[in-house]
């Protein structure tokens, strides 16, 4: 720290420090959810076309890792999910998608039936400021009959698949948001 560093103007935060909202979340922030304190470790952006973007945050609490997905375009809908092996959602899902060019209409996971809700081609970036960081992929979202649980299958390239399962949450379930440092 130099002699004149303390006289430099500090950058104003992008949020109101007295009223931090979910839309203000960034890497390093912490919040309470489901009786745990979570810290945002990574931030991702999805481009679904037609100026439609969503955000996802990799969050950690103690020895747990999850992903908070926020869709500001869809009335702020949110979900918290965990990655899992795609074959946990259905043994033949990758083969069915490759062979038929479409996913199954429903899948069963741990006694719950999930129904295909939407197919979404898009682009993913872990550094949205870098134009070369965007990667094309396909996503299929499934919901249970009450639309409280969500499962997703993503296809990256010809034969690379990822899956996740979680639950839809409301904004009031995230509390005590605190800014952090990276």
N, C-alpha and C. Protein backbone atom coordinates (compact mmCIF):
# COMPACT_ATOMS: atom_id res chain seq x y z
N UNK A 1 0.86 -1.17 0.00
CA UNK A 1 0.00 0.00 0.00
C UNK A 1 0.90 1.23 0.00
N UNK A 2 0.71 2.06 -1.00
CA UNK A 2 1.51 3.28 -1.11
C UNK A 2 0.94 4.39 -0.27
N UNK A 3 1.70 5.44 -0.15
CA UNK A 3 1.33 6.59 0.66
C UNK A 3 0.02 7.23 0.21
N UNK A 4 -0.20 7.30 -1.11
CA UNK A 4 -1.38 7.98 -1.62
C UNK A 4 -2.57 7.06 -1.88
N UNK A 5 -2.41 5.77 -1.65
CA UNK A 5 -3.49 4.82 -1.90
C UNK A 5 -4.74 5.12 -1.08
N UNK A 6 -4.57 5.62 0.13
CA UNK A 6 -5.74 5.88 0.97
C UNK A 6 -6.54 7.08 0.49
N UNK A 7 -5.96 7.90 -0.40
CA UNK A 7 -6.67 9.06 -0.92
C UNK A 7 -7.43 8.77 -2.21
N UNK A 8 -7.20 7.60 -2.78
CA UNK A 8 -7.90 7.22 -4.01
C UNK A 8 -9.39 7.04 -3.70
N UNK A 9 -10.19 7.39 -4.68
CA UNK A 9 -11.63 7.18 -4.50
C UNK A 9 -11.92 5.70 -4.52
N UNK A 10 -12.72 5.27 -3.57
CA UNK A 10 -13.12 3.87 -3.55
C UNK A 10 -14.25 3.67 -4.56
N UNK A 11 -14.20 2.54 -5.21
CA UNK A 11 -15.24 2.21 -6.18
C UNK A 11 -16.54 1.98 -5.44
N UNK A 12 -17.61 2.59 -5.94
CA UNK A 12 -18.92 2.40 -5.31
C UNK A 12 -19.42 0.99 -5.61
N UNK A 13 -19.99 0.33 -4.63
CA UNK A 13 -20.53 -1.01 -4.89
C UNK A 13 -21.71 -0.96 -5.85
N UNK A 14 -21.96 -2.07 -6.51
CA UNK A 14 -23.07 -2.17 -7.46
C UNK A 14 -24.41 -2.39 -6.76
N UNK A 15 -24.42 -2.36 -5.44
CA UNK A 15 -25.62 -2.65 -4.66
C UNK A 15 -25.76 -1.60 -3.56
N UNK A 16 -26.94 -1.55 -2.97
CA UNK A 16 -27.19 -0.69 -1.82
C UNK A 16 -26.78 -1.48 -0.57
N UNK A 17 -25.72 -1.07 0.12
CA UNK A 17 -25.23 -1.85 1.27
C UNK A 17 -26.28 -2.05 2.38
N UNK A 18 -27.27 -1.18 2.43
CA UNK A 18 -28.30 -1.32 3.47
C UNK A 18 -29.46 -2.20 3.02
N UNK A 19 -29.45 -2.62 1.75
CA UNK A 19 -30.56 -3.41 1.22
C UNK A 19 -30.06 -4.32 0.10
N UNK A 20 -29.23 -5.31 0.43
CA UNK A 20 -28.68 -6.20 -0.58
C UNK A 20 -29.74 -7.21 -1.00
N UNK A 21 -29.92 -7.33 -2.31
CA UNK A 21 -30.94 -8.23 -2.86
C UNK A 21 -30.28 -9.39 -3.62
N UNK A 22 -31.09 -10.37 -3.97
CA UNK A 22 -30.60 -11.53 -4.69
C UNK A 22 -29.97 -11.13 -6.02
N UNK A 23 -30.53 -10.13 -6.68
CA UNK A 23 -29.99 -9.67 -7.97
C UNK A 23 -28.59 -9.09 -7.83
N UNK A 24 -28.17 -8.77 -6.61
CA UNK A 24 -26.85 -8.19 -6.36
C UNK A 24 -25.76 -9.24 -6.14
N UNK A 25 -26.11 -10.51 -6.06
CA UNK A 25 -25.14 -11.55 -5.75
C UNK A 25 -23.97 -11.56 -6.72
N UNK A 26 -22.78 -11.80 -6.16
CA UNK A 26 -21.55 -11.92 -6.94
C UNK A 26 -20.63 -12.92 -6.22
N UNK A 27 -19.56 -13.28 -6.88
CA UNK A 27 -18.57 -14.19 -6.27
C UNK A 27 -18.07 -13.57 -4.96
N UNK A 28 -18.00 -14.39 -3.94
CA UNK A 28 -17.55 -13.95 -2.62
C UNK A 28 -18.69 -13.63 -1.66
N UNK A 29 -19.87 -13.33 -2.18
CA UNK A 29 -21.01 -13.03 -1.31
C UNK A 29 -21.38 -14.28 -0.52
N UNK A 30 -22.01 -14.06 0.62
CA UNK A 30 -22.49 -15.16 1.46
C UNK A 30 -23.97 -14.93 1.75
N UNK A 31 -24.68 -16.02 1.99
CA UNK A 31 -26.10 -15.92 2.34
C UNK A 31 -26.51 -17.18 3.09
N UNK A 32 -27.65 -17.10 3.77
CA UNK A 32 -28.20 -18.24 4.47
C UNK A 32 -29.32 -18.85 3.64
N UNK A 33 -29.29 -20.17 3.58
CA UNK A 33 -30.34 -20.92 2.89
C UNK A 33 -30.39 -22.31 3.51
N UNK A 34 -31.58 -22.76 3.84
CA UNK A 34 -31.80 -24.12 4.32
C UNK A 34 -30.90 -24.46 5.52
N UNK A 35 -30.87 -23.56 6.48
CA UNK A 35 -30.14 -23.73 7.74
C UNK A 35 -28.62 -23.82 7.58
N UNK A 36 -28.09 -23.31 6.47
CA UNK A 36 -26.65 -23.28 6.26
C UNK A 36 -26.25 -21.93 5.69
N UNK A 37 -25.00 -21.57 5.92
CA UNK A 37 -24.44 -20.37 5.31
C UNK A 37 -23.64 -20.80 4.09
N UNK A 38 -23.98 -20.20 2.97
CA UNK A 38 -23.38 -20.55 1.69
C UNK A 38 -22.52 -19.40 1.19
N UNK A 39 -21.43 -19.72 0.51
CA UNK A 39 -20.60 -18.72 -0.12
C UNK A 39 -20.56 -18.98 -1.61
N UNK A 40 -20.66 -17.89 -2.38
CA UNK A 40 -20.60 -18.01 -3.84
C UNK A 40 -19.14 -18.14 -4.25
N UNK A 41 -18.82 -19.23 -4.93
CA UNK A 41 -17.46 -19.51 -5.37
C UNK A 41 -17.22 -19.17 -6.83
N UNK A 42 -18.23 -19.37 -7.67
CA UNK A 42 -18.10 -19.11 -9.10
C UNK A 42 -19.41 -18.58 -9.64
N UNK A 43 -19.32 -17.84 -10.73
CA UNK A 43 -20.51 -17.26 -11.37
C UNK A 43 -20.50 -17.63 -12.85
N UNK A 44 -21.66 -18.04 -13.36
CA UNK A 44 -21.79 -18.43 -14.76
C UNK A 44 -22.95 -17.68 -15.39
N UNK A 45 -22.90 -17.54 -16.70
CA UNK A 45 -24.01 -16.90 -17.40
C UNK A 45 -24.43 -17.78 -18.56
N UNK A 46 -25.74 -17.80 -18.81
CA UNK A 46 -26.31 -18.56 -19.91
C UNK A 46 -27.01 -17.58 -20.85
N UNK A 47 -26.80 -17.77 -22.14
CA UNK A 47 -27.44 -16.96 -23.16
C UNK A 47 -28.37 -17.88 -23.94
N UNK A 48 -29.67 -17.62 -23.83
CA UNK A 48 -30.67 -18.46 -24.47
C UNK A 48 -31.18 -17.86 -25.78
N UNK A 49 -30.57 -16.77 -26.23
CA UNK A 49 -30.99 -16.12 -27.47
C UNK A 49 -32.05 -15.06 -27.21
N UNK A 50 -32.28 -14.21 -28.18
CA UNK A 50 -33.28 -13.13 -28.08
C UNK A 50 -33.11 -12.29 -26.82
N UNK A 51 -31.85 -12.01 -26.47
CA UNK A 51 -31.53 -11.18 -25.31
C UNK A 51 -32.08 -11.76 -23.99
N UNK A 52 -32.09 -13.08 -23.89
CA UNK A 52 -32.60 -13.78 -22.71
C UNK A 52 -31.40 -14.44 -22.01
N UNK A 53 -31.09 -13.97 -20.81
CA UNK A 53 -29.93 -14.46 -20.06
C UNK A 53 -30.37 -14.95 -18.69
N UNK A 54 -29.66 -15.95 -18.18
CA UNK A 54 -29.86 -16.40 -16.80
C UNK A 54 -28.49 -16.52 -16.15
N UNK A 55 -28.48 -16.57 -14.83
CA UNK A 55 -27.22 -16.70 -14.08
C UNK A 55 -27.27 -17.95 -13.21
N UNK A 56 -26.08 -18.46 -12.97
CA UNK A 56 -25.94 -19.61 -12.07
C UNK A 56 -24.71 -19.37 -11.22
N UNK A 57 -24.81 -19.75 -9.96
CA UNK A 57 -23.70 -19.59 -9.03
C UNK A 57 -23.34 -20.93 -8.43
N UNK A 58 -22.07 -21.24 -8.41
CA UNK A 58 -21.59 -22.40 -7.66
C UNK A 58 -21.46 -21.94 -6.22
N UNK A 59 -22.16 -22.64 -5.32
CA UNK A 59 -22.18 -22.24 -3.92
C UNK A 59 -21.68 -23.38 -3.04
N UNK A 60 -21.02 -23.02 -1.95
CA UNK A 60 -20.48 -24.02 -1.03
C UNK A 60 -20.86 -23.68 0.40
N UNK A 61 -21.17 -24.72 1.15
CA UNK A 61 -21.45 -24.61 2.58
C UNK A 61 -20.82 -25.82 3.25
N UNK A 62 -19.89 -25.56 4.15
CA UNK A 62 -19.18 -26.65 4.84
C UNK A 62 -18.65 -27.63 3.79
N UNK A 63 -19.16 -28.86 3.76
CA UNK A 63 -18.68 -29.85 2.80
C UNK A 63 -19.71 -30.14 1.70
N UNK A 64 -20.58 -29.18 1.44
CA UNK A 64 -21.63 -29.36 0.43
C UNK A 64 -21.41 -28.37 -0.72
N UNK A 65 -21.66 -28.82 -1.94
CA UNK A 65 -21.56 -27.98 -3.13
C UNK A 65 -22.89 -28.05 -3.87
N UNK A 66 -23.41 -26.90 -4.26
CA UNK A 66 -24.67 -26.86 -5.00
C UNK A 66 -24.59 -25.72 -6.02
N UNK A 67 -25.66 -25.58 -6.79
CA UNK A 67 -25.72 -24.55 -7.82
C UNK A 67 -27.04 -23.81 -7.68
N UNK A 68 -26.95 -22.49 -7.56
CA UNK A 68 -28.12 -21.62 -7.48
C UNK A 68 -28.34 -21.03 -8.86
N UNK A 69 -29.47 -21.38 -9.48
CA UNK A 69 -29.79 -20.90 -10.82
C UNK A 69 -30.89 -19.85 -10.69
N UNK A 70 -30.67 -18.67 -11.29
CA UNK A 70 -31.63 -17.58 -11.19
C UNK A 70 -32.02 -17.13 -12.59
N UNK A 71 -33.32 -17.10 -12.84
CA UNK A 71 -33.86 -16.63 -14.10
C UNK A 71 -34.61 -15.33 -13.84
N UNK A 72 -33.94 -14.21 -14.04
CA UNK A 72 -34.56 -12.90 -13.79
C UNK A 72 -35.65 -12.59 -14.79
N UNK A 73 -35.67 -13.28 -15.93
CA UNK A 73 -36.68 -13.04 -16.96
C UNK A 73 -38.01 -13.70 -16.62
N UNK A 74 -37.96 -14.75 -15.83
CA UNK A 74 -39.15 -15.55 -15.51
C UNK A 74 -39.59 -15.26 -14.08
N UNK A 75 -39.93 -14.01 -13.81
CA UNK A 75 -40.37 -13.58 -12.48
C UNK A 75 -39.39 -13.98 -11.40
N UNK A 76 -38.10 -14.02 -11.74
CA UNK A 76 -37.08 -14.32 -10.74
C UNK A 76 -37.11 -15.75 -10.25
N UNK A 77 -37.52 -16.69 -11.09
CA UNK A 77 -37.58 -18.08 -10.64
C UNK A 77 -36.17 -18.57 -10.31
N UNK A 78 -36.08 -19.39 -9.27
CA UNK A 78 -34.79 -19.89 -8.79
C UNK A 78 -34.88 -21.36 -8.45
N UNK A 79 -33.72 -22.01 -8.54
CA UNK A 79 -33.61 -23.39 -8.09
C UNK A 79 -32.23 -23.61 -7.50
N UNK A 80 -32.17 -24.56 -6.59
CA UNK A 80 -30.90 -25.01 -6.03
C UNK A 80 -30.79 -26.47 -6.40
N UNK A 81 -29.68 -26.82 -7.07
CA UNK A 81 -29.53 -28.20 -7.51
C UNK A 81 -28.11 -28.69 -7.26
N UNK A 82 -27.98 -30.00 -7.37
CA UNK A 82 -26.68 -30.64 -7.22
C UNK A 82 -26.42 -31.49 -8.45
N UNK A 83 -25.17 -31.51 -8.86
CA UNK A 83 -24.78 -32.32 -10.02
C UNK A 83 -24.91 -33.80 -9.66
N UNK A 84 -25.21 -34.59 -10.65
CA UNK A 84 -25.23 -36.04 -10.48
C UNK A 84 -24.89 -36.70 -11.81
N UNK A 85 -24.62 -37.96 -11.77
CA UNK A 85 -24.31 -38.70 -13.00
C UNK A 85 -25.58 -38.77 -13.84
N UNK A 86 -25.45 -38.54 -15.14
CA UNK A 86 -26.62 -38.52 -16.00
C UNK A 86 -27.35 -39.87 -15.96
N UNK A 87 -26.63 -40.94 -15.79
CA UNK A 87 -27.27 -42.26 -15.75
C UNK A 87 -28.11 -42.47 -14.49
N UNK A 88 -27.93 -41.61 -13.47
CA UNK A 88 -28.78 -41.70 -12.28
C UNK A 88 -30.22 -41.30 -12.62
N UNK A 89 -30.40 -40.46 -13.64
CA UNK A 89 -31.73 -40.04 -14.07
C UNK A 89 -32.36 -41.04 -15.04
N UNK A 90 -31.54 -41.87 -15.62
CA UNK A 90 -32.04 -42.87 -16.56
C UNK A 90 -30.87 -43.49 -17.29
N UNK A 91 -30.78 -44.79 -17.21
CA UNK A 91 -29.62 -45.51 -17.73
C UNK A 91 -29.38 -45.26 -19.23
N UNK A 92 -30.47 -45.08 -19.98
CA UNK A 92 -30.33 -44.97 -21.44
C UNK A 92 -30.49 -43.55 -21.98
N UNK A 93 -30.50 -42.55 -21.13
CA UNK A 93 -30.74 -41.18 -21.59
C UNK A 93 -29.74 -40.74 -22.66
N UNK A 94 -28.43 -40.89 -22.44
CA UNK A 94 -27.50 -40.44 -23.50
C UNK A 94 -27.73 -41.14 -24.84
N UNK A 95 -27.93 -42.45 -24.81
CA UNK A 95 -28.15 -43.19 -26.05
C UNK A 95 -29.44 -42.76 -26.74
N UNK A 96 -30.49 -42.53 -25.94
CA UNK A 96 -31.77 -42.12 -26.51
C UNK A 96 -31.65 -40.75 -27.18
N UNK A 97 -30.94 -39.83 -26.56
CA UNK A 97 -30.77 -38.50 -27.14
C UNK A 97 -29.95 -38.57 -28.42
N UNK A 98 -28.86 -39.33 -28.41
CA UNK A 98 -28.01 -39.45 -29.60
C UNK A 98 -28.77 -40.14 -30.73
N UNK A 99 -29.45 -41.23 -30.42
CA UNK A 99 -30.15 -42.01 -31.44
C UNK A 99 -31.38 -41.29 -32.00
N UNK A 100 -32.22 -40.77 -31.11
CA UNK A 100 -33.50 -40.17 -31.52
C UNK A 100 -33.45 -38.66 -31.69
N UNK A 101 -32.33 -38.04 -31.32
CA UNK A 101 -32.19 -36.58 -31.36
C UNK A 101 -33.18 -35.87 -30.45
N UNK A 102 -33.66 -36.58 -29.43
CA UNK A 102 -34.59 -36.01 -28.47
C UNK A 102 -34.51 -36.79 -27.17
N UNK A 103 -34.82 -36.18 -26.06
CA UNK A 103 -34.76 -36.85 -24.76
C UNK A 103 -36.07 -37.58 -24.46
N UNK A 104 -36.08 -38.38 -23.43
CA UNK A 104 -37.34 -39.01 -23.03
C UNK A 104 -38.33 -37.95 -22.54
N UNK A 105 -39.62 -38.23 -22.65
CA UNK A 105 -40.65 -37.28 -22.22
C UNK A 105 -40.79 -37.23 -20.71
N UNK A 106 -40.38 -38.30 -20.04
CA UNK A 106 -40.41 -38.30 -18.57
C UNK A 106 -39.28 -39.17 -18.06
N UNK A 107 -38.84 -38.86 -16.86
CA UNK A 107 -37.79 -39.64 -16.21
C UNK A 107 -38.19 -39.87 -14.76
N UNK A 108 -37.69 -40.94 -14.20
CA UNK A 108 -37.95 -41.25 -12.79
C UNK A 108 -36.64 -41.20 -12.03
N UNK A 109 -36.67 -40.52 -10.89
CA UNK A 109 -35.47 -40.41 -10.05
C UNK A 109 -35.90 -40.47 -8.59
N UNK A 110 -35.39 -41.46 -7.89
CA UNK A 110 -35.68 -41.65 -6.46
C UNK A 110 -37.17 -41.61 -6.16
N UNK A 111 -37.94 -42.33 -6.97
CA UNK A 111 -39.38 -42.46 -6.73
C UNK A 111 -40.23 -41.29 -7.19
N UNK A 112 -39.65 -40.31 -7.84
CA UNK A 112 -40.40 -39.16 -8.34
C UNK A 112 -40.34 -39.15 -9.87
N UNK A 113 -41.47 -38.90 -10.49
CA UNK A 113 -41.53 -38.79 -11.94
C UNK A 113 -41.39 -37.33 -12.33
N UNK A 114 -40.49 -37.07 -13.26
CA UNK A 114 -40.24 -35.73 -13.78
C UNK A 114 -40.69 -35.70 -15.23
N UNK A 115 -41.38 -34.61 -15.62
CA UNK A 115 -41.92 -34.48 -16.97
C UNK A 115 -41.15 -33.40 -17.73
N UNK A 116 -40.83 -33.69 -18.98
CA UNK A 116 -40.11 -32.74 -19.80
C UNK A 116 -40.90 -31.44 -19.91
N UNK A 117 -40.27 -30.33 -19.56
CA UNK A 117 -40.93 -29.03 -19.61
C UNK A 117 -40.46 -28.23 -20.81
N UNK A 118 -39.14 -28.19 -21.03
CA UNK A 118 -38.65 -27.42 -22.17
C UNK A 118 -37.29 -27.90 -22.64
N UNK A 119 -37.08 -27.66 -23.92
CA UNK A 119 -35.81 -27.94 -24.57
C UNK A 119 -35.22 -26.58 -24.92
N UNK A 120 -33.98 -26.34 -24.51
CA UNK A 120 -33.40 -25.01 -24.70
C UNK A 120 -31.98 -25.08 -25.25
N UNK A 121 -31.80 -24.70 -26.50
CA UNK A 121 -30.43 -24.55 -26.99
C UNK A 121 -29.89 -23.23 -26.45
N UNK A 122 -28.61 -23.21 -26.10
CA UNK A 122 -28.06 -21.98 -25.56
C UNK A 122 -26.55 -21.97 -25.57
N UNK A 123 -26.01 -20.95 -24.93
CA UNK A 123 -24.57 -20.77 -24.79
C UNK A 123 -24.26 -20.55 -23.32
N UNK A 124 -23.12 -21.09 -22.88
CA UNK A 124 -22.68 -21.02 -21.49
C UNK A 124 -21.34 -20.30 -21.43
N UNK A 125 -21.15 -19.49 -20.39
CA UNK A 125 -19.85 -18.85 -20.18
C UNK A 125 -19.54 -18.75 -18.69
N UNK A 126 -18.28 -19.05 -18.36
CA UNK A 126 -17.83 -18.83 -16.99
C UNK A 126 -17.07 -17.50 -16.90
N UNK A 127 -17.02 -16.77 -18.02
CA UNK A 127 -16.41 -15.44 -18.06
C UNK A 127 -17.11 -14.63 -19.16
N UNK A 128 -18.31 -14.10 -18.88
CA UNK A 128 -19.11 -13.43 -19.91
C UNK A 128 -18.43 -12.24 -20.59
N UNK A 129 -17.44 -11.65 -19.94
CA UNK A 129 -16.73 -10.52 -20.53
C UNK A 129 -15.82 -10.96 -21.68
N UNK A 130 -15.47 -12.24 -21.71
CA UNK A 130 -14.59 -12.78 -22.74
C UNK A 130 -15.44 -13.41 -23.84
N UNK A 131 -15.46 -12.78 -25.00
CA UNK A 131 -16.29 -13.28 -26.11
C UNK A 131 -15.92 -14.68 -26.56
N UNK A 132 -14.69 -15.12 -26.30
CA UNK A 132 -14.24 -16.45 -26.71
C UNK A 132 -14.60 -17.54 -25.70
N UNK A 133 -15.22 -17.17 -24.58
CA UNK A 133 -15.49 -18.17 -23.54
C UNK A 133 -16.85 -18.85 -23.69
N UNK A 134 -17.66 -18.42 -24.64
CA UNK A 134 -19.00 -18.97 -24.79
C UNK A 134 -18.95 -20.34 -25.49
N UNK A 135 -19.68 -21.31 -24.90
CA UNK A 135 -19.72 -22.68 -25.42
C UNK A 135 -21.19 -23.04 -25.68
N UNK A 136 -21.44 -23.63 -26.84
CA UNK A 136 -22.81 -24.02 -27.20
C UNK A 136 -23.18 -25.34 -26.52
N UNK A 137 -24.44 -25.45 -26.12
CA UNK A 137 -24.94 -26.68 -25.51
C UNK A 137 -26.45 -26.75 -25.65
N UNK A 138 -27.02 -27.89 -25.24
CA UNK A 138 -28.47 -28.10 -25.27
C UNK A 138 -28.90 -28.51 -23.86
N UNK A 139 -30.01 -27.97 -23.42
CA UNK A 139 -30.50 -28.28 -22.08
C UNK A 139 -31.96 -28.73 -22.14
N UNK A 140 -32.29 -29.73 -21.33
CA UNK A 140 -33.67 -30.19 -21.19
C UNK A 140 -34.03 -30.12 -19.71
N UNK A 141 -35.11 -29.40 -19.41
CA UNK A 141 -35.56 -29.24 -18.02
C UNK A 141 -36.82 -30.06 -17.78
N UNK A 142 -36.81 -30.74 -16.65
CA UNK A 142 -37.92 -31.58 -16.22
C UNK A 142 -38.41 -31.10 -14.86
N UNK A 143 -39.72 -31.18 -14.64
CA UNK A 143 -40.29 -30.83 -13.33
C UNK A 143 -41.21 -31.96 -12.88
N UNK A 144 -41.34 -32.10 -11.57
CA UNK A 144 -42.32 -33.05 -11.05
C UNK A 144 -43.72 -32.45 -11.26
N UNK A 145 -44.75 -33.21 -10.93
CA UNK A 145 -46.12 -32.77 -11.22
C UNK A 145 -46.51 -31.52 -10.45
N UNK A 146 -45.87 -31.26 -9.33
CA UNK A 146 -46.19 -30.05 -8.54
C UNK A 146 -45.26 -28.89 -8.87
N UNK A 147 -44.31 -29.12 -9.75
CA UNK A 147 -43.30 -28.12 -10.16
C UNK A 147 -42.51 -27.57 -8.97
N UNK A 148 -42.23 -28.47 -8.02
CA UNK A 148 -41.40 -28.10 -6.86
C UNK A 148 -40.00 -28.69 -6.97
N UNK A 149 -39.87 -29.76 -7.74
CA UNK A 149 -38.57 -30.41 -7.96
C UNK A 149 -38.19 -30.26 -9.43
N UNK A 150 -36.90 -30.14 -9.68
CA UNK A 150 -36.43 -29.95 -11.04
C UNK A 150 -35.26 -30.89 -11.31
N UNK A 151 -35.18 -31.37 -12.53
CA UNK A 151 -34.04 -32.17 -12.99
C UNK A 151 -33.67 -31.64 -14.37
N UNK A 152 -32.38 -31.63 -14.65
CA UNK A 152 -31.92 -31.12 -15.94
C UNK A 152 -30.91 -32.08 -16.55
N UNK A 153 -30.96 -32.18 -17.86
CA UNK A 153 -29.97 -32.93 -18.63
C UNK A 153 -29.38 -31.94 -19.63
N UNK A 154 -28.05 -31.90 -19.71
CA UNK A 154 -27.38 -31.01 -20.65
C UNK A 154 -26.48 -31.82 -21.56
N UNK A 155 -26.46 -31.42 -22.83
CA UNK A 155 -25.59 -32.08 -23.81
C UNK A 155 -24.56 -31.07 -24.29
N UNK A 156 -23.29 -31.44 -24.13
CA UNK A 156 -22.15 -30.61 -24.54
C UNK A 156 -21.42 -31.37 -25.63
N UNK A 157 -21.55 -30.95 -26.84
CA UNK A 157 -20.93 -31.69 -27.93
C UNK A 157 -21.77 -32.91 -28.28
N UNK A 158 -21.16 -33.82 -29.02
CA UNK A 158 -21.88 -34.98 -29.53
C UNK A 158 -22.28 -35.99 -28.45
N UNK A 159 -21.35 -36.30 -27.53
CA UNK A 159 -21.62 -37.38 -26.58
C UNK A 159 -21.26 -37.06 -25.13
N UNK A 160 -21.16 -35.80 -24.79
CA UNK A 160 -20.86 -35.42 -23.41
C UNK A 160 -22.13 -34.89 -22.75
N UNK A 161 -22.51 -35.53 -21.62
CA UNK A 161 -23.76 -35.18 -20.95
C UNK A 161 -23.49 -34.88 -19.48
N UNK A 162 -24.29 -33.97 -18.93
CA UNK A 162 -24.28 -33.66 -17.50
C UNK A 162 -25.72 -33.65 -17.02
N UNK A 163 -25.90 -33.86 -15.72
CA UNK A 163 -27.24 -33.85 -15.15
C UNK A 163 -27.21 -33.22 -13.77
N UNK A 164 -28.36 -32.72 -13.36
CA UNK A 164 -28.50 -32.16 -12.02
C UNK A 164 -29.93 -32.37 -11.56
N UNK A 165 -30.11 -32.31 -10.26
CA UNK A 165 -31.44 -32.46 -9.67
C UNK A 165 -31.50 -31.54 -8.47
N UNK A 166 -32.65 -30.91 -8.28
CA UNK A 166 -32.79 -30.02 -7.14
C UNK A 166 -34.23 -29.61 -6.91
N UNK A 167 -34.37 -28.44 -6.30
CA UNK A 167 -35.73 -27.98 -6.02
C UNK A 167 -35.87 -26.50 -6.34
N UNK A 168 -37.08 -26.15 -6.68
CA UNK A 168 -37.43 -24.76 -6.96
C UNK A 168 -37.55 -24.07 -5.61
N UNK A 169 -36.98 -22.87 -5.51
CA UNK A 169 -37.05 -22.14 -4.25
C UNK A 169 -37.64 -20.75 -4.47
N UNK A 170 -38.06 -20.14 -3.41
CA UNK A 170 -38.59 -18.77 -3.43
C UNK A 170 -37.54 -17.81 -2.90
N UNK A 171 -37.62 -16.56 -3.29
CA UNK A 171 -36.60 -15.59 -2.89
C UNK A 171 -36.52 -15.40 -1.38
N UNK A 172 -37.62 -15.56 -0.66
CA UNK A 172 -37.59 -15.38 0.79
C UNK A 172 -36.80 -16.48 1.51
N UNK A 173 -36.46 -17.56 0.80
CA UNK A 173 -35.68 -18.64 1.41
C UNK A 173 -34.20 -18.28 1.51
N UNK A 174 -33.77 -17.28 0.76
CA UNK A 174 -32.39 -16.80 0.83
C UNK A 174 -32.38 -15.55 1.71
N UNK A 175 -31.64 -15.61 2.80
CA UNK A 175 -31.62 -14.52 3.76
C UNK A 175 -30.19 -14.12 4.12
N UNK A 176 -30.08 -13.04 4.85
CA UNK A 176 -28.80 -12.58 5.40
C UNK A 176 -27.70 -12.51 4.34
N UNK A 177 -27.97 -11.85 3.24
CA UNK A 177 -26.98 -11.71 2.19
C UNK A 177 -25.90 -10.71 2.63
N UNK A 178 -24.66 -11.16 2.54
CA UNK A 178 -23.53 -10.31 2.91
C UNK A 178 -22.55 -10.24 1.76
N UNK A 179 -22.02 -9.04 1.49
CA UNK A 179 -20.99 -8.95 0.45
C UNK A 179 -19.72 -9.61 0.95
N UNK A 180 -18.91 -10.01 0.02
CA UNK A 180 -17.67 -10.67 0.41
C UNK A 180 -16.52 -10.16 -0.40
N UNK A 181 -15.37 -10.72 -0.14
CA UNK A 181 -14.19 -10.39 -0.91
C UNK A 181 -13.73 -11.65 -1.61
N UNK A 182 -13.13 -11.48 -2.74
CA UNK A 182 -12.65 -12.63 -3.51
C UNK A 182 -11.25 -12.95 -3.10
